[in-house]
Structures are given as C-alpha cells and as structure tokens.
C-alpha cells in the first residue's frame, strides 16, 4: 500500500521576517540630557566649581527646580533643565513618525537613530 502524503497548509499572507535586534542610541533624548547638563559640565571643566558637591547641587536644581542651599523652589530652573529633554524626546517621536529612523535602519547606519 502506498504511503499517504500530507500536504502543507496554504498561507494566504506573507510570513513575517525575523529581524536581528541591535542596540541603537536615540540621539534626540541624549542630546536633550546633554543640553540640560552642559552648563554644569562647562563650568566644571573651566574650574569655576571647586568641589563636586556644588556641581551635583547645580544638576539637582536643574532637574528638580529645588535649591537645597536656599531652600527655595524655582520654576525657571526647572524649565531650563527639562525643556531640552522634552524637546529632544519630541524630536525623537517626530522622527519616528516621519520614518527617519526606518530610513536610517535601511541605509545600514550603525547605532544611531534620531
């Protein structure tokens, strides 16, 4: 007796391709964070801050808006710290919506995304 042959099920859709996941660096949010802390880094490299505590205090003021030495809260300092971060995140989201990141991936640009 002949063996019964099994047929494969027909697919009416394309099989999704498997992709290799790679580590990418989103440049928009990273540049926003660097923009937030750039004045502190610049002043530290110029030697205007004697101790590291004053540099950490300055960074804390920029992120939280609260000055621990004077015990005051300032919205302007908070805005100056978070505005570059939010702008970088918005640029990253807009670039993803426009397809810039996908175009960079197709062009085989390593590590970088907007």
Protein backbone atom coordinates (compact mmCIF):
# COMPACT_ATOMS: atom_id res chain seq x y z
CA UNK A 1 0.00 0.00 0.00
CA UNK A 2 1.24 3.46 -0.87
CA UNK A 3 2.05 5.96 1.84
CA UNK A 4 -0.41 8.76 2.35
CA UNK A 5 1.05 12.12 1.52
CA UNK A 6 0.35 15.11 3.74
CA UNK A 7 0.09 18.50 2.11
CA UNK A 8 1.19 21.71 3.74
CA UNK A 9 -1.38 24.24 4.78
CA UNK A 10 -1.64 27.14 2.40
CA UNK A 11 -0.74 30.56 3.67
CA UNK A 12 -2.76 33.43 2.36
CA UNK A 13 -0.47 36.01 3.90
CA UNK A 14 3.24 36.69 3.83
CA UNK A 15 5.34 35.23 6.55
CA UNK A 16 6.84 37.95 8.72
CA UNK A 17 10.59 38.24 8.50
CA UNK A 18 12.59 37.83 11.65
CA UNK A 19 14.87 40.73 12.43
CA UNK A 20 18.06 40.78 14.39
CA UNK A 21 17.69 43.17 17.30
CA UNK A 22 20.51 45.67 17.57
CA UNK A 23 21.34 48.24 20.17
CA UNK A 24 20.64 51.75 18.94
CA UNK A 25 21.22 55.11 20.58
CA UNK A 26 18.36 57.65 20.29
CA UNK A 27 20.15 60.93 19.62
CA UNK A 28 17.21 63.27 20.37
CA UNK A 29 16.78 62.44 24.07
CA UNK A 30 20.54 62.02 24.60
CA UNK A 31 21.21 65.49 23.18
CA UNK A 32 18.45 66.89 25.39
CA UNK A 33 20.08 65.44 28.50
CA UNK A 34 23.48 66.77 27.42
CA UNK A 35 21.87 70.18 26.81
CA UNK A 36 20.44 70.11 30.33
CA UNK A 37 23.80 69.46 31.98
CA UNK A 38 26.09 71.27 29.52
CA UNK A 39 26.48 74.49 31.56
CA UNK A 40 27.44 72.50 34.66
CA UNK A 41 29.97 70.42 32.74
CA UNK A 42 31.40 73.51 31.07
CA UNK A 43 31.78 75.33 34.39
CA UNK A 44 33.32 72.27 35.98
CA UNK A 45 35.91 71.94 33.21
CA UNK A 46 36.73 75.65 33.46
CA UNK A 47 37.38 75.27 37.20
CA UNK A 48 34.60 77.53 38.44
CA UNK A 49 33.32 74.78 40.75
CA UNK A 50 35.77 73.91 43.50
CA UNK A 51 34.06 70.83 44.88
CA UNK A 52 31.96 68.20 43.21
CA UNK A 53 29.09 68.91 45.62
CA UNK A 54 28.35 72.27 44.02
CA UNK A 55 28.22 70.63 40.58
CA UNK A 56 25.83 67.97 41.87
CA UNK A 57 23.74 70.66 43.56
CA UNK A 58 23.53 72.59 40.31
CA UNK A 59 22.41 69.48 38.42
CA UNK A 60 19.82 68.76 41.12
CA UNK A 61 18.48 72.31 40.84
CA UNK A 62 18.13 71.89 37.07
CA UNK A 63 16.26 68.59 37.29
CA UNK A 64 14.02 69.21 40.31
CA UNK A 65 13.85 73.02 40.48
CA UNK A 66 14.59 72.93 44.22
CA UNK A 67 17.63 74.78 45.58
CA UNK A 68 18.77 72.86 48.63
CA UNK A 69 21.07 75.63 49.90
CA UNK A 70 18.50 78.44 49.84
CA UNK A 71 15.51 76.12 50.46
CA UNK A 72 13.62 77.65 47.54
CA UNK A 73 11.86 76.21 44.50
CA UNK A 74 12.13 77.89 41.11
CA UNK A 75 10.03 77.10 38.07
CA UNK A 76 12.54 78.87 35.80
CA UNK A 77 15.33 76.50 36.81
CA UNK A 78 13.03 73.52 36.35
CA UNK A 79 12.03 74.79 32.92
CA UNK A 80 15.67 75.38 31.92
CA UNK A 81 16.50 71.80 32.87
CA UNK A 82 13.52 69.94 31.42
CA UNK A 83 12.94 71.97 28.25
CA UNK A 84 15.89 70.47 26.33
CA UNK A 85 14.96 66.95 27.48
CA UNK A 86 11.33 67.31 26.40
CA UNK A 87 12.36 68.92 23.09
CA UNK A 88 14.75 66.02 22.39
CA UNK A 89 12.07 63.45 23.17
CA UNK A 90 9.59 65.28 20.93
CA UNK A 91 12.14 65.37 18.09
CA UNK A 92 12.72 61.63 18.55
CA UNK A 93 8.97 60.92 18.40
CA UNK A 94 8.50 63.14 15.33
CA UNK A 95 11.41 61.47 13.53
CA UNK A 96 9.91 58.06 14.26
CA UNK A 97 6.53 59.18 12.91
CA UNK A 98 8.10 60.59 9.73
CA UNK A 99 10.10 57.42 9.13
CA UNK A 100 13.56 58.92 9.54
CA UNK A 101 14.63 56.14 11.90
CA UNK A 102 13.42 53.46 9.50
CA UNK A 103 15.33 55.12 6.66
CA UNK A 104 18.49 55.17 8.79
CA UNK A 105 17.97 51.48 9.52
CA UNK A 106 17.57 50.64 5.82
CA UNK A 107 20.68 52.65 5.00
CA UNK A 108 22.60 50.45 7.48
CA UNK A 109 23.69 53.38 9.67
CA UNK A 110 25.09 51.68 12.79
CA UNK A 111 23.91 52.54 16.32
CA UNK A 112 22.42 55.97 15.60
CA UNK A 113 18.75 56.90 15.45
CA UNK A 114 17.17 60.33 15.72
